[in-house]
Amino acid sequence: MFIQGALANVGREITTDELLRYLSSNIPESEFFKLQPPPGTMMAAAIDWRCLLYDAAAIATIGQVLWGAYVEFVKPIHDKNQNSDAAIFIQIKNEHGQSDQFMIGKEFKDREIFIQKFNSSVKRLNLESPKSMPSQEIDEIKHSGYWVHIK
């Protein structure tokens, strides 16, 4: 399974590094990568991190962990400012390049609805087995020089 994402409209309240520490410590059997282009490279990136999941248990718990990250990092921003657009952008992909995406904190502010939609999407995209990871994108992540291995 292949998941990628970014923080949106969080200002300086939280960093990608903080989010990745939380996610990587709560998701077993996974590899995390952070976007870090080579020096001198200018990019406008919509994706700040990527995660490869190898274990069925990790796949089963990822929705809960993502919601926990929202509660830990984004919800406090909303509690301070109800008009905030702060969110965690999440995209999941299968081996055929089909994807689904979620904005936790903007599109989804209810835990049960998010978990239900996320799990439904995982099933629909047939992401239950490790072989469903898009191998071309895995090679790009590991060998492009743009992604730094975190865990």
Foldseek 3Di string as FASTA:
>chain_A
DKKWWDKPQQPVQDDPVVLCVQLVVPAPQKWKKAFAADPPDDDDDGTGMMMQHADLVSVLCVLVSQVVSCVVGVVVVCVVPVPGPIWMKMKDAWQVGDIDIDTDPHRDPDSVVSSVVSVVRCVVRVVNHNVGDNPVVVCCQVPVRRIDIDD
